[in-house]
Amino acid sequence: MTFSWPWALLSALIIPLIFAVREWARRRRRKAAVRVTSIALVRSALPGRTRWTRRIPAALFVAGLALLTVGAARPQASMPVPRTSATILLALDTSGSMCSTDVDPNRITAAKKAAAEFIESQRGGPRIGLVTFAGTAGLLVPPTDDTDSLIEALEGLTVARGTAIGQAMLTSIDAIAEVDPSVAPSGAAPGDGEGDAGAAIIVLTDGANTQGVDPRIAAREAALRRVRVFTIGFGTTNPAPLVCDNSQFDGRGFGGWGGRGRFDRGRNIRMIDEPALKQIAQTTGGSYHRAENADQLQSALNALPGSFTVVHRRVDAAAAFAAGGAVLITAALSLSLWWNRPRAPAR
């Protein structure tokens, strides 16, 4: 909880001042006390009051003053608020290592299938955009609610050289900025908004950044725009041949790639940079997920909507504290007047 006017909390000093005045008045009355011969006569003349009837109104009054003091400081609490109009950018790694066959039939095929099922599960919900990245990053489909066009675009994915995770995040930010005016593009000032934006980026990769923008810099840019990034590290650490069919290979050839779309050294090109992916998620308020097979990947994607469709907003709680303080003070005065009301003498 934060306070808009924290200096108002100094008004709480009036509470010990009240106690000090009360103690001073009590001592003064004691000095001016009149000696009487019979205490029983005095007690019989006073209305019957217990110790609790004297202390409860005072305690309620002090508690009410404390709540009013907190209310005057304008407390603000961060509250989770469901949002149905979120924008999601799905950034898929299409580097050559996605042809690894450690995931059957290979990583790129499993990733396309899991992404298609995830998109289908969000039909009628948030807008989804599709970014792919290898040596560079590109916006394949702008954020849209057209589920069919997204799934169709997944079918045409091909692999290429390099892994530009940072550039993929900046490209995703720019795509979000096109449809959400509350998010500034990557080349502009981020603004000074509060709370989470209604947007999230999912980065699915099996490797580490090899070129382009440092992912840590891109993560800070996303955090400044209140865009959360959820990262998924996909694949195992087991060496496996890299095999893609002709529809998944761009045909240009690089390194050990041949015309059949096969890399015969029997090892993964690049291992997952888990520390970097975890840092990206932590910097932006997202989360990191590890998936070693197709089922784990599907589970990781299915678990995400509950995270990024709930955003946090700062809610002013001053009215609640003020109302609570007013109720307590009213109760204190009412009880005090009731217990000290004139009573008819007993006959």
Protein backbone atom coordinates (compact mmCIF):
# COMPACT_ATOMS: atom_id res chain seq x y z
CA MET A 1 0.00 0.00 0.00
CA THR A 2 1.27 3.47 -0.87
CA PHE A 3 0.17 6.96 0.16
CA SER A 4 -0.42 9.99 -2.05
CA TRP A 5 -0.05 12.40 0.90
CA PRO A 6 2.19 10.59 3.42
CA TRP A 7 2.75 13.79 5.40
CA ALA A 8 -0.89 13.61 6.49
CA LEU A 9 0.10 10.70 8.72
CA LEU A 10 1.68 13.24 11.06
CA SER A 11 -1.85 14.13 12.15
CA ALA A 12 -1.76 10.84 14.08
CA LEU A 13 0.23 12.77 16.69
CA ILE A 14 -3.10 14.13 17.93
CA ILE A 15 -3.84 10.71 19.45
CA PRO A 16 -1.04 10.72 22.06
CA LEU A 17 -1.88 14.39 22.64
CA ILE A 18 -5.44 13.40 23.58
CA PHE A 19 -4.11 10.85 26.06
CA ALA A 20 -1.73 13.44 27.54
CA VAL A 21 -4.58 15.95 28.04
CA ARG A 22 -6.75 13.22 29.58
CA GLU A 23 -4.01 12.27 32.04
CA TRP A 24 -3.44 15.94 32.93
CA ALA A 25 -7.16 16.44 33.57
CA ARG A 26 -7.32 13.29 35.71
CA ARG A 27 -4.47 14.44 37.91
CA ARG A 28 -6.00 17.88 38.28
CA ARG A 29 -9.31 16.38 39.38
CA ARG A 30 -7.49 14.25 41.92
CA LYS A 31 -5.90 17.34 43.49
CA ALA A 32 -9.25 19.08 43.67
CA ALA A 33 -11.04 16.07 45.13
CA VAL A 34 -13.33 16.66 48.05
CA ARG A 35 -12.95 14.36 51.03
CA VAL A 36 -16.11 12.62 52.06
CA THR A 37 -16.85 10.44 55.05
CA SER A 38 -18.56 7.62 53.15
CA ILE A 39 -17.54 6.29 49.74
CA ALA A 40 -20.65 4.14 49.72
CA LEU A 41 -22.85 7.23 49.66
CA VAL A 42 -20.97 8.57 46.63
CA ARG A 43 -21.22 5.27 44.76
CA SER A 44 -24.93 5.05 45.40
CA ALA A 45 -25.45 8.53 43.97
CA LEU A 46 -23.59 7.75 40.74
CA PRO A 47 -25.09 5.76 37.86
CA GLY A 48 -23.91 2.19 37.67
CA ARG A 49 -20.95 2.00 35.27
CA THR A 50 -18.37 -0.74 34.77
CA ARG A 51 -14.80 -0.29 33.71
CA TRP A 52 -15.69 -1.50 30.18
CA THR A 53 -18.40 1.11 29.70
CA ARG A 54 -15.77 3.76 30.33
CA ARG A 55 -13.06 2.27 28.10
CA ILE A 56 -14.97 1.00 25.05
CA PRO A 57 -16.12 4.45 23.79
CA ALA A 58 -12.61 5.82 24.28
CA ALA A 59 -11.05 2.92 22.38
CA LEU A 60 -13.54 3.25 19.52
CA PHE A 61 -12.93 7.00 19.35
CA VAL A 62 -9.14 6.55 19.14
CA ALA A 63 -9.48 3.81 16.50
CA GLY A 64 -11.77 6.08 14.48
CA LEU A 65 -9.22 8.90 14.62
CA ALA A 66 -6.50 6.50 13.44
CA LEU A 67 -8.57 5.45 10.43
CA LEU A 68 -9.35 9.07 9.55
CA THR A 69 -5.63 9.84 9.72
CA VAL A 70 -4.80 7.02 7.31
CA GLY A 71 -7.63 8.14 5.02
CA ALA A 72 -6.27 11.68 4.98
CA ALA A 73 -2.96 10.31 3.64
CA ARG A 74 -4.85 8.99 0.56
CA PRO A 75 -3.82 5.30 0.68
CA GLN A 76 -3.69 3.44 -2.63
CA ALA A 77 -3.74 -0.33 -3.00
CA SER A 78 -2.77 -2.41 -6.03
CA MET A 79 -5.76 -4.55 -6.92
CA PRO A 80 -6.02 -7.33 -9.54
CA VAL A 81 -8.61 -6.42 -12.16
CA PRO A 82 -9.78 -8.83 -14.88
CA ARG A 83 -9.39 -7.52 -18.41
CA THR A 84 -11.00 -9.06 -21.46
CA SER A 85 -9.58 -6.66 -24.06
CA ALA A 86 -5.93 -7.67 -23.66
CA THR A 87 -3.51 -7.72 -26.59
CA ILE A 88 -1.16 -10.69 -26.86
CA LEU A 89 1.88 -10.90 -29.11
CA LEU A 90 3.15 -14.43 -29.66
CA ALA A 91 6.84 -14.30 -30.65
CA LEU A 92 8.02 -17.64 -32.07
CA ASP A 93 11.64 -18.67 -32.56
CA THR A 94 12.22 -19.86 -36.13
CA SER A 95 15.99 -20.33 -35.90
CA GLY A 96 17.65 -23.40 -37.38
CA SER A 97 17.82 -25.20 -34.03
CA MET A 98 14.01 -25.44 -34.07
CA CYS A 99 14.53 -28.33 -36.50
CA SER A 100 15.95 -30.45 -33.68
CA THR A 101 14.27 -33.84 -33.45
CA ASP A 102 14.61 -34.19 -29.68
CA VAL A 103 10.90 -33.26 -29.72
CA ASP A 104 8.89 -35.45 -32.07
CA PRO A 105 8.79 -34.86 -35.03
CA ASN A 106 10.84 -31.70 -34.51
CA ARG A 107 10.63 -28.55 -32.38
CA ILE A 108 9.19 -26.26 -35.03
CA THR A 109 6.32 -28.66 -35.79
CA ALA A 110 5.49 -29.12 -32.10
CA ALA A 111 5.66 -25.36 -31.51
CA LYS A 112 3.32 -24.64 -34.45
CA LYS A 113 0.81 -27.19 -33.19
CA ALA A 114 0.89 -25.87 -29.61
CA ALA A 115 0.61 -22.25 -30.80
CA ALA A 116 -2.36 -23.13 -33.02
CA GLU A 117 -4.17 -24.82 -30.13
CA PHE A 118 -3.43 -21.87 -27.86
CA ILE A 119 -4.78 -19.39 -30.42
CA GLU A 120 -7.87 -21.52 -30.94
CA SER A 121 -8.50 -21.60 -27.17
CA GLN A 122 -8.55 -17.79 -27.14
CA ARG A 123 -11.14 -17.47 -29.91
CA GLY A 124 -13.50 -14.59 -29.10
CA GLY A 125 -11.13 -13.27 -26.42
CA PRO A 126 -8.08 -10.97 -26.59
CA ARG A 127 -6.48 -9.80 -29.81
CA ILE A 128 -3.46 -11.90 -30.78
CA GLY A 129 -0.57 -10.97 -33.02
CA LEU A 130 2.21 -13.16 -34.39
CA VAL A 131 5.91 -12.28 -34.55
CA THR A 132 8.61 -14.64 -35.82
CA PHE A 133 12.33 -14.26 -35.30
CA ALA A 134 15.55 -15.86 -36.46
CA GLY A 135 18.41 -13.53 -37.50
CA THR A 136 15.86 -10.72 -37.63
CA ALA A 137 12.33 -10.30 -36.33
CA GLY A 138 9.20 -9.54 -38.32
CA LEU A 139 5.53 -9.01 -37.67
CA LEU A 140 3.76 -11.87 -39.41
CA VAL A 141 0.19 -11.01 -38.31
CA PRO A 142 -0.80 -7.74 -36.56
CA PRO A 143 -2.96 -8.11 -33.42
CA THR A 144 -6.34 -9.39 -34.55
CA ASP A 145 -9.33 -11.38 -33.41
CA ASP A 146 -9.33 -13.34 -36.68
CA THR A 147 -8.30 -16.74 -35.32
CA ASP A 148 -8.33 -18.43 -38.71
CA SER A 149 -5.82 -16.02 -40.25
CA LEU A 150 -3.43 -16.57 -37.34
CA ILE A 151 -3.59 -20.35 -37.64
CA GLU A 152 -3.13 -20.14 -41.40
CA ALA A 153 -0.03 -17.98 -40.94
CA LEU A 154 1.50 -20.58 -38.63
CA GLU A 155 1.40 -23.16 -41.39
CA GLY A 156 3.87 -21.21 -43.51
CA LEU A 157 6.65 -20.83 -40.93
CA THR A 158 10.19 -21.58 -42.13
CA VAL A 159 13.50 -21.62 -40.28
CA ALA A 160 16.54 -19.45 -40.88
CA ARG A 161 19.90 -18.56 -39.36
CA GLY A 162 20.31 -16.66 -36.05
CA THR A 163 18.26 -15.84 -32.96
CA ALA A 164 17.20 -12.22 -32.32
CA ILE A 165 15.20 -12.42 -29.08
CA GLY A 166 15.65 -8.75 -28.17
CA GLN A 167 14.58 -7.54 -31.60
CA ALA A 168 11.51 -9.79 -31.44
CA MET A 169 10.45 -8.11 -28.19
CA LEU A 170 10.85 -4.61 -29.65
CA THR A 171 8.93 -5.63 -32.76
CA SER A 172 6.16 -6.95 -30.50
CA ILE A 173 6.08 -3.67 -28.56
CA ASP A 174 5.69 -1.71 -31.80
CA ALA A 175 2.86 -4.01 -32.91
CA ILE A 176 1.09 -3.45 -29.60
CA ALA A 177 1.56 0.32 -29.91
CA GLU A 178 -0.24 0.27 -33.25
CA VAL A 179 -3.48 -0.91 -31.61
CA ASP A 180 -3.09 0.35 -28.05
CA PRO A 181 -2.54 4.13 -27.66
CA SER A 182 -1.52 3.67 -24.01
CA VAL A 183 1.68 1.89 -25.13
CA ALA A 184 4.41 3.96 -26.77
CA PRO A 185 6.43 2.43 -29.65
CA SER A 186 10.00 1.34 -28.99
CA GLY A 187 11.55 4.52 -30.41
CA ALA A 188 9.43 6.94 -28.35
CA ALA A 189 9.35 8.06 -24.74
CA PRO A 190 7.62 5.35 -22.67
CA GLY A 191 5.34 7.72 -20.73
CA ASP A 192 4.59 7.66 -17.02
CA GLY A 193 1.50 5.47 -16.70
CA GLU A 194 0.88 3.27 -13.68
CA GLY A 195 -0.19 -0.35 -13.33
CA ASP A 196 -0.01 -3.02 -16.01
CA ALA A 197 -0.94 -2.29 -19.59
CA GLY A 198 -3.53 -4.56 -21.14
CA ALA A 199 -0.87 -6.26 -23.25
CA ALA A 200 1.56 -9.14 -22.96
CA ILE A 201 4.29 -10.75 -25.02
CA ILE A 202 4.94 -14.50 -25.09
CA VAL A 203 8.47 -15.38 -26.24
CA LEU A 204 8.93 -19.03 -27.22
CA THR A 205 12.55 -19.91 -27.95
CA ASP A 206 14.92 -22.86 -27.83
CA GLY A 207 18.17 -20.92 -27.75
CA ALA A 208 20.00 -17.76 -26.82
CA ASN A 209 20.21 -14.33 -28.39
CA THR A 210 22.94 -14.30 -31.03
CA GLN A 211 22.50 -10.95 -32.75
CA GLY A 212 20.58 -7.71 -32.67
CA VAL A 213 19.32 -5.92 -29.56
CA ASP A 214 20.32 -7.21 -26.14
CA PRO A 215 17.22 -8.87 -24.63
CA ARG A 216 17.91 -7.14 -21.30
CA ILE A 217 17.59 -3.75 -22.98
CA ALA A 218 14.38 -4.83 -24.72
CA ALA A 219 13.03 -6.10 -21.38
CA ARG A 220 13.59 -2.71 -19.77
CA GLU A 221 11.77 -1.06 -22.68
CA ALA A 222 8.82 -3.40 -22.15
CA ALA A 223 8.84 -2.80 -18.39
CA LEU A 224 8.77 0.99 -18.88
CA ARG A 225 5.65 0.53 -21.01
CA ARG A 226 4.08 -1.81 -18.43
CA VAL A 227 4.03 -4.67 -20.94
CA ARG A 228 4.71 -8.02 -19.31
CA VAL A 229 6.83 -10.62 -21.10
CA PHE A 230 6.27 -14.33 -20.49
CA THR A 231 9.15 -16.51 -21.67
CA ILE A 232 9.14 -20.20 -22.56
CA GLY A 233 12.34 -22.24 -22.97
CA PHE A 234 11.56 -25.12 -25.33
CA GLY A 235 13.50 -28.32 -25.99
CA THR A 236 15.79 -30.73 -24.17
CA THR A 237 19.54 -30.83 -23.63
CA ASN A 238 19.84 -34.14 -25.47
CA PRO A 239 21.82 -34.08 -28.74
CA ALA A 240 19.58 -34.80 -31.70
CA PRO A 241 19.72 -34.44 -35.49
CA LEU A 242 18.31 -31.25 -36.95
CA VAL A 243 15.77 -32.22 -39.60
CA CYS A 244 13.23 -30.00 -41.36
CA ASP A 245 11.24 -30.91 -44.43
CA ASN A 246 11.23 -28.71 -47.52
CA SER A 247 8.16 -26.76 -46.38
CA GLN A 248 9.91 -25.75 -43.14
CA PHE A 249 13.28 -24.89 -44.68
CA ASP A 250 13.74 -21.63 -46.53
CA GLY A 251 15.94 -23.31 -49.14
CA ARG A 252 18.73 -20.75 -49.11
CA GLY A 253 21.17 -23.07 -47.32
CA PHE A 254 23.61 -22.12 -44.59
CA GLY A 255 26.28 -23.86 -42.56
CA GLY A 256 25.74 -27.62 -42.79
CA TRP A 257 22.25 -27.40 -44.29
CA GLY A 258 21.75 -29.30 -47.50
CA GLY A 259 19.04 -29.53 -50.09
CA ARG A 260 17.13 -32.13 -48.04
CA GLY A 261 16.87 -29.71 -45.12
CA ARG A 262 19.05 -31.86 -42.86
CA PHE A 263 21.94 -30.99 -40.56
CA ASP A 264 23.91 -34.15 -39.98
CA ARG A 265 26.18 -33.34 -37.02
CA GLY A 266 23.62 -34.76 -34.60
CA ARG A 267 23.65 -31.95 -32.02
CA ASN A 268 21.65 -28.88 -31.06
CA ILE A 269 23.02 -25.63 -32.45
CA ARG A 270 22.40 -23.58 -29.33
CA MET A 271 21.32 -24.30 -25.75
CA ILE A 272 18.55 -22.39 -23.98
CA ASP A 273 19.76 -19.29 -22.16
CA GLU A 274 17.54 -19.83 -19.11
CA PRO A 275 19.14 -17.10 -16.94
CA ALA A 276 18.38 -14.50 -19.64
CA LEU A 277 14.81 -15.71 -20.12
CA LYS A 278 14.20 -15.66 -16.37
CA GLN A 279 15.63 -12.14 -16.11
CA ILE A 280 13.39 -10.93 -18.94
CA ALA A 281 10.32 -12.27 -17.16
CA GLN A 282 11.39 -10.87 -13.78
CA THR A 283 12.16 -7.41 -15.21
CA THR A 284 8.75 -7.10 -16.86
CA GLY A 285 6.61 -8.78 -14.19
CA GLY A 286 5.99 -11.88 -16.28
CA SER A 287 7.03 -15.48 -15.65
CA TYR A 288 9.37 -18.10 -17.10
CA HIS A 289 8.28 -21.60 -18.10
CA ARG A 290 10.36 -24.62 -19.11
CA ALA A 291 8.99 -27.11 -21.64
CA GLU A 292 10.98 -30.17 -22.71
CA ASN A 293 8.29 -31.80 -24.82
CA ALA A 294 5.10 -30.99 -26.70
CA ASP A 295 2.81 -31.74 -23.75
CA GLN A 296 4.76 -29.46 -21.41
CA LEU A 297 4.72 -26.71 -24.03
CA GLN A 298 0.96 -27.00 -24.40
CA SER A 299 0.54 -26.91 -20.61
CA ALA A 300 2.74 -23.81 -20.33
CA LEU A 301 0.72 -21.96 -22.97
CA ASN A 302 -2.59 -23.03 -21.44
CA ALA A 303 -1.52 -21.70 -18.03
CA LEU A 304 -0.73 -18.20 -19.31
CA PRO A 305 -4.17 -16.62 -19.98
CA GLY A 306 -4.97 -16.50 -16.27
CA SER A 307 -1.82 -14.40 -15.80
CA PHE A 308 -2.03 -11.80 -18.54
CA THR A 309 -5.80 -11.30 -18.59
CA VAL A 310 -5.56 -10.01 -15.02
CA VAL A 311 -3.95 -6.59 -14.70
CA HIS A 312 -3.21 -4.54 -11.60
CA ARG A 313 -4.65 -1.10 -11.03
CA ARG A 314 -4.04 1.33 -8.18
CA VAL A 315 -7.27 1.90 -6.30
CA ASP A 316 -7.75 4.87 -3.95
CA ALA A 317 -8.83 3.47 -0.58
CA ALA A 318 -9.20 6.84 1.20
CA ALA A 319 -13.00 6.73 1.14
CA ALA A 320 -13.06 3.31 2.82
CA PHE A 321 -10.78 4.44 5.64
CA ALA A 322 -12.74 7.68 6.11
CA ALA A 323 -16.03 5.80 6.25
CA GLY A 324 -14.63 3.32 8.75
CA GLY A 325 -13.31 6.13 10.94
CA ALA A 326 -16.65 7.95 10.85
CA VAL A 327 -18.51 4.77 11.85
CA LEU A 328 -16.20 4.13 14.81
CA ILE A 329 -16.39 7.71 16.10
CA THR A 330 -20.18 7.71 15.74
CA ALA A 331 -20.35 4.42 17.67
CA ALA A 332 -18.10 5.83 20.39
CA LEU A 333 -20.23 8.93 20.88
CA SER A 334 -23.48 6.95 20.77
CA LEU A 335 -22.32 4.44 23.39
CA SER A 336 -20.97 7.19 25.60
CA LEU A 337 -24.26 9.12 25.51
CA TRP A 338 -26.29 5.95 26.07
CA TRP A 339 -24.31 4.73 29.05
CA ASN A 340 -24.22 8.21 30.61
CA ARG A 341 -27.87 9.06 30.06
CA PRO A 342 -29.82 10.28 33.11
CA ARG A 343 -31.55 7.45 34.91
CA ALA A 344 -34.61 7.69 37.13
CA PRO A 345 -33.74 7.08 40.81
CA ALA A 346 -34.65 3.65 42.10
CA ARG A 347 -37.69 3.53 44.37
